[in-house]
């Protein structure tokens, strides 16, 4: 199983939370957390950021 390190900051404040998960899980969680407006990185690279303003 290929793994990746997912890092995120809930609500964009505080320290980064790091967890090692499968590649598929990292991708799905990154998309979900980014949709909340949280900063997200996979293996140290920033992921897409979604805006809540529509």
PDB file of N, CA and C in Angstrom:
ATOM      1  N   UNK A   1       0.852  -1.178   0.000  1.00  0.00           N
ATOM      2  CA  UNK A   1       0.000   0.000   0.000  1.00  0.00           C
ATOM      3  C   UNK A   1       0.897   1.240   0.000  1.00  0.00           C
ATOM      4  N   UNK A   2       0.602   2.154  -0.902  1.00  0.00           N
ATOM      5  CA  UNK A   2       1.344   3.412  -0.960  1.00  0.00           C
ATOM      6  C   UNK A   2       0.730   4.373   0.057  1.00  0.00           C
ATOM      7  N   UNK A   3       1.600   5.029   0.829  1.00  0.00           N
ATOM      8  CA  UNK A   3       1.098   5.974   1.824  1.00  0.00           C
ATOM      9  C   UNK A   3       1.617   7.377   1.534  1.00  0.00           C
ATOM     10  N   UNK A   4       0.917   8.351   2.090  1.00  0.00           N
ATOM     11  CA  UNK A   4       1.303   9.751   1.990  1.00  0.00           C
ATOM     12  C   UNK A   4       1.077  10.409   3.341  1.00  0.00           C
ATOM     13  N   UNK A   5       1.806  11.518   3.565  1.00  0.00           N
ATOM     14  CA  UNK A   5       1.618  12.288   4.789  1.00  0.00           C
ATOM     15  C   UNK A   5       0.654  13.426   4.477  1.00  0.00           C
ATOM     16  N   UNK A   6      -0.478  13.426   5.152  1.00  0.00           N
ATOM     17  CA  UNK A   6      -1.475  14.475   5.029  1.00  0.00           C
ATOM     18  C   UNK A   6      -1.277  15.431   6.195  1.00  0.00           C
ATOM     19  N   UNK A   7      -1.191  16.717   5.896  1.00  0.00           N
ATOM     20  CA  UNK A   7      -1.065  17.738   6.946  1.00  0.00           C
ATOM     21  C   UNK A   7      -2.173  18.760   6.741  1.00  0.00           C
ATOM     22  N   UNK A   8      -2.790  19.185   7.837  1.00  0.00           N
ATOM     23  CA  UNK A   8      -3.874  20.165   7.744  1.00  0.00           C
ATOM     24  C   UNK A   8      -3.929  20.988   9.025  1.00  0.00           C
ATOM     25  N   UNK A   9      -4.505  22.197   8.902  1.00  0.00           N
ATOM     26  CA  UNK A   9      -4.693  23.091  10.040  1.00  0.00           C
ATOM     27  C   UNK A   9      -6.187  23.352  10.181  1.00  0.00           C
ATOM     28  N   UNK A  10      -6.827  22.708  11.145  1.00  0.00           N
ATOM     29  CA  UNK A  10      -8.257  22.962  11.321  1.00  0.00           C
ATOM     30  C   UNK A  10      -8.531  24.444  11.559  1.00  0.00           C
ATOM     31  N   UNK A  11      -9.453  24.978  10.812  1.00  0.00           N
ATOM     32  CA  UNK A  11      -9.854  26.391  10.878  1.00  0.00           C
ATOM     33  C   UNK A  11      -8.716  27.338  10.530  1.00  0.00           C
ATOM     34  N   UNK A  12      -7.598  26.809  10.029  1.00  0.00           N
ATOM     35  CA  UNK A  12      -6.473  27.640   9.622  1.00  0.00           C
ATOM     36  C   UNK A  12      -5.670  28.227  10.766  1.00  0.00           C
ATOM     37  N   UNK A  13      -5.861  27.693  11.975  1.00  0.00           N
ATOM     38  CA  UNK A  13      -5.127  28.215  13.127  1.00  0.00           C
ATOM     39  C   UNK A  13      -4.398  27.082  13.848  1.00  0.00           C
ATOM     40  N   UNK A  14      -3.418  27.462  14.655  1.00  0.00           N
ATOM     41  CA  UNK A  14      -2.704  26.465  15.448  1.00  0.00           C
ATOM     42  C   UNK A  14      -1.653  25.723  14.649  1.00  0.00           C
ATOM     43  N   UNK A  15      -1.231  24.617  15.195  1.00  0.00           N
ATOM     44  CA  UNK A  15      -0.182  23.801  14.583  1.00  0.00           C
ATOM     45  C   UNK A  15      -0.766  22.896  13.505  1.00  0.00           C
ATOM     46  N   UNK A  16       0.108  22.483  12.586  1.00  0.00           N
ATOM     47  CA  UNK A  16      -0.285  21.521  11.571  1.00  0.00           C
ATOM     48  C   UNK A  16      -0.513  20.165  12.230  1.00  0.00           C
ATOM     49  N   UNK A  17      -1.541  19.464  11.816  1.00  0.00           N
ATOM     50  CA  UNK A  17      -1.791  18.088  12.222  1.00  0.00           C
ATOM     51  C   UNK A  17      -1.301  17.202  11.090  1.00  0.00           C
ATOM     52  N   UNK A  18      -0.461  16.213  11.405  1.00  0.00           N
ATOM     53  CA  UNK A  18       0.106  15.309  10.402  1.00  0.00           C
ATOM     54  C   UNK A  18      -0.383  13.887  10.650  1.00  0.00           C
ATOM     55  N   UNK A  19      -0.711  13.207   9.584  1.00  0.00           N
ATOM     56  CA  UNK A  19      -1.101  11.807   9.675  1.00  0.00           C
ATOM     57  C   UNK A  19      -0.661  11.075   8.407  1.00  0.00           C
ATOM     58  N   UNK A  20      -0.310   9.821   8.546  1.00  0.00           N
ATOM     59  CA  UNK A  20       0.087   9.009   7.403  1.00  0.00           C
ATOM     60  C   UNK A  20      -1.069   8.081   7.053  1.00  0.00           C
ATOM     61  N   UNK A  21      -1.532   8.204   5.819  1.00  0.00           N
ATOM     62  CA  UNK A  21      -2.685   7.425   5.357  1.00  0.00           C
ATOM     63  C   UNK A  21      -2.413   6.918   3.939  1.00  0.00           C
ATOM     64  N   UNK A  22      -3.297   6.085   3.440  1.00  0.00           N
ATOM     65  CA  UNK A  22      -3.144   5.611   2.058  1.00  0.00           C
ATOM     66  C   UNK A  22      -3.296   6.785   1.097  1.00  0.00           C
ATOM     67  N   UNK A  23      -2.778   6.603  -0.099  1.00  0.00           N
ATOM     68  CA  UNK A  23      -2.820   7.655  -1.116  1.00  0.00           C
ATOM     69  C   UNK A  23      -4.262   8.072  -1.417  1.00  0.00           C
ATOM     70  N   UNK A  24      -5.152   7.115  -1.533  1.00  0.00           N
ATOM     71  CA  UNK A  24      -6.558   7.412  -1.836  1.00  0.00           C
ATOM     72  C   UNK A  24      -7.229   8.186  -0.702  1.00  0.00           C
ATOM     73  N   UNK A  25      -6.972   7.768   0.524  1.00  0.00           N
ATOM     74  CA  UNK A  25      -7.559   8.451   1.677  1.00  0.00           C
ATOM     75  C   UNK A  25      -7.014   9.871   1.785  1.00  0.00           C
ATOM     76  N   UNK A  26      -5.724  10.052   1.547  1.00  0.00           N
ATOM     77  CA  UNK A  26      -5.123  11.394   1.607  1.00  0.00           C
ATOM     78  C   UNK A  26      -5.798  12.322   0.616  1.00  0.00           C
ATOM     79  N   UNK A  27      -6.041  11.838  -0.597  1.00  0.00           N
ATOM     80  CA  UNK A  27      -6.658  12.667  -1.635  1.00  0.00           C
ATOM     81  C   UNK A  27      -8.082  13.074  -1.244  1.00  0.00           C
ATOM     82  N   UNK A  28      -8.866  12.120  -0.767  1.00  0.00           N
ATOM     83  CA  UNK A  28     -10.258  12.402  -0.399  1.00  0.00           C
ATOM     84  C   UNK A  28     -10.328  13.356   0.794  1.00  0.00           C
ATOM     85  N   UNK A  29      -9.518  13.109   1.823  1.00  0.00           N
ATOM     86  CA  UNK A  29      -9.526  13.990   2.986  1.00  0.00           C
ATOM     87  C   UNK A  29      -9.033  15.386   2.635  1.00  0.00           C
ATOM     88  N   UNK A  30      -8.011  15.486   1.782  1.00  0.00           N
ATOM     89  CA  UNK A  30      -7.501  16.792   1.377  1.00  0.00           C
ATOM     90  C   UNK A  30      -8.596  17.603   0.689  1.00  0.00           C
ATOM     91  N   UNK A  31      -9.352  16.965  -0.193  1.00  0.00           N
ATOM     92  CA  UNK A  31     -10.445  17.665  -0.866  1.00  0.00           C
ATOM     93  C   UNK A  31     -11.514  18.118   0.121  1.00  0.00           C
ATOM     94  N   UNK A  32     -11.849  17.254   1.059  1.00  0.00           N
ATOM     95  CA  UNK A  32     -12.872  17.616   2.050  1.00  0.00           C
ATOM     96  C   UNK A  32     -12.394  18.757   2.939  1.00  0.00           C
ATOM     97  N   UNK A  33     -11.184  18.631   3.495  1.00  0.00           N
ATOM     98  CA  UNK A  33     -10.674  19.671   4.392  1.00  0.00           C
ATOM     99  C   UNK A  33     -10.485  20.993   3.665  1.00  0.00           C
ATOM    100  N   UNK A  34     -10.016  20.951   2.424  1.00  0.00           N
ATOM    101  CA  UNK A  34      -9.856  22.185   1.642  1.00  0.00           C
ATOM    102  C   UNK A  34     -11.211  22.832   1.378  1.00  0.00           C
ATOM    103  N   UNK A  35     -12.263  22.020   1.229  1.00  0.00           N
ATOM    104  CA  UNK A  35     -13.595  22.583   1.008  1.00  0.00           C
ATOM    105  C   UNK A  35     -14.082  23.356   2.237  1.00  0.00           C
ATOM    106  N   UNK A  36     -13.528  23.053   3.420  1.00  0.00           N
ATOM    107  CA  UNK A  36     -13.841  23.794   4.641  1.00  0.00           C
ATOM    108  C   UNK A  36     -13.042  25.093   4.725  1.00  0.00           C
ATOM    109  N   UNK A  37     -12.080  25.261   3.805  1.00  0.00           N
ATOM    110  CA  UNK A  37     -11.220  26.437   3.839  1.00  0.00           C
ATOM    111  C   UNK A  37      -9.955  26.228   4.652  1.00  0.00           C
ATOM    112  N   UNK A  38      -9.698  24.991   5.070  1.00  0.00           N
ATOM    113  CA  UNK A  38      -8.503  24.707   5.865  1.00  0.00           C
ATOM    114  C   UNK A  38      -7.291  24.571   4.949  1.00  0.00           C
ATOM    115  N   UNK A  39      -6.110  25.052   5.386  1.00  0.00           N
ATOM    116  CA  UNK A  39      -4.886  24.775   4.633  1.00  0.00           C
ATOM    117  C   UNK A  39      -4.569  23.280   4.701  1.00  0.00           C
ATOM    118  N   UNK A  40      -4.211  22.699   3.560  1.00  0.00           N
ATOM    119  CA  UNK A  40      -3.952  21.262   3.479  1.00  0.00           C
ATOM    120  C   UNK A  40      -2.711  21.026   2.626  1.00  0.00           C
ATOM    121  N   UNK A  41      -1.873  20.068   3.052  1.00  0.00           N
ATOM    122  CA  UNK A  41      -0.716  19.654   2.270  1.00  0.00           C
ATOM    123  C   UNK A  41      -0.671  18.129   2.217  1.00  0.00           C
ATOM    124  N   UNK A  42      -0.211  17.620   1.082  1.00  0.00           N
ATOM    125  CA  UNK A  42       0.064  16.191   0.951  1.00  0.00           C
ATOM    126  C   UNK A  42       1.540  16.072   0.607  1.00  0.00           C
ATOM    127  N   UNK A  43       2.272  15.337   1.425  1.00  0.00           N
ATOM    128  CA  UNK A  43       3.715  15.168   1.251  1.00  0.00           C
ATOM    129  C   UNK A  43       4.420  16.516   1.100  1.00  0.00           C
ATOM    130  N   UNK A  44       3.991  17.509   1.885  1.00  0.00           N
ATOM    131  CA  UNK A  44       4.657  18.808   1.920  1.00  0.00           C
ATOM    132  C   UNK A  44       4.281  19.766   0.813  1.00  0.00           C
ATOM    133  N   UNK A  45       3.359  19.375  -0.059  1.00  0.00           N
ATOM    134  CA  UNK A  45       2.937  20.248  -1.158  1.00  0.00           C
ATOM    135  C   UNK A  45       1.505  20.707  -0.923  1.00  0.00           C
ATOM    136  N   UNK A  46       1.279  22.007  -1.072  1.00  0.00           N
ATOM    137  CA  UNK A  46      -0.054  22.564  -0.881  1.00  0.00           C
ATOM    138  C   UNK A  46      -1.025  21.964  -1.888  1.00  0.00           C
ATOM    139  N   UNK A  47      -2.256  21.770  -1.450  1.00  0.00           N
ATOM    140  CA  UNK A  47      -3.295  21.240  -2.328  1.00  0.00           C
ATOM    141  C   UNK A  47      -4.212  22.369  -2.756  1.00  0.00           C
ATOM    142  N   UNK A  48      -5.237  22.034  -3.510  1.00  0.00           N
ATOM    143  CA  UNK A  48      -6.202  23.032  -3.951  1.00  0.00           C
ATOM    144  C   UNK A  48      -6.873  23.703  -2.771  1.00  0.00           C
ATOM    145  N   UNK A  49      -7.182  24.978  -2.934  1.00  0.00           N
ATOM    146  CA  UNK A  49      -7.924  25.705  -1.911  1.00  0.00           C
ATOM    147  C   UNK A  49      -9.279  26.079  -2.496  1.00  0.00           C
ATOM    148  N   UNK A  50     -10.323  25.830  -1.745  1.00  0.00           N
ATOM    149  CA  UNK A  50     -11.671  26.188  -2.170  1.00  0.00           C
ATOM    150  C   UNK A  50     -12.092  27.444  -1.436  1.00  0.00           C
ATOM    151  N   UNK A  51     -12.852  28.265  -2.090  1.00  0.00           N
ATOM    152  CA  UNK A  51     -13.386  29.462  -1.448  1.00  0.00           C
ATOM    153  C   UNK A  51     -14.828  29.207  -1.093  1.00  0.00           C
ATOM    154  N   UNK A  52     -15.227  29.619   0.109  1.00  0.00           N
ATOM    155  CA  UNK A  52     -16.622  29.473   0.521  1.00  0.00           C
ATOM    156  C   UNK A  52     -17.480  30.589  -0.049  1.00  0.00           C
ATOM    157  N   UNK A  53     -16.864  31.632  -0.597  1.00  0.00           N
ATOM    158  CA  UNK A  53     -17.608  32.734  -1.197  1.00  0.00           C
ATOM    159  C   UNK A  53     -18.108  32.299  -2.574  1.00  0.00           C
ATOM    160  N   UNK A  54     -19.403  32.446  -2.771  1.00  0.00           N
ATOM    161  CA  UNK A  54     -19.956  32.028  -4.071  1.00  0.00           C
ATOM    162  C   UNK A  54     -20.704  33.161  -4.730  1.00  0.00           C
TER     163      UNK A  54
END
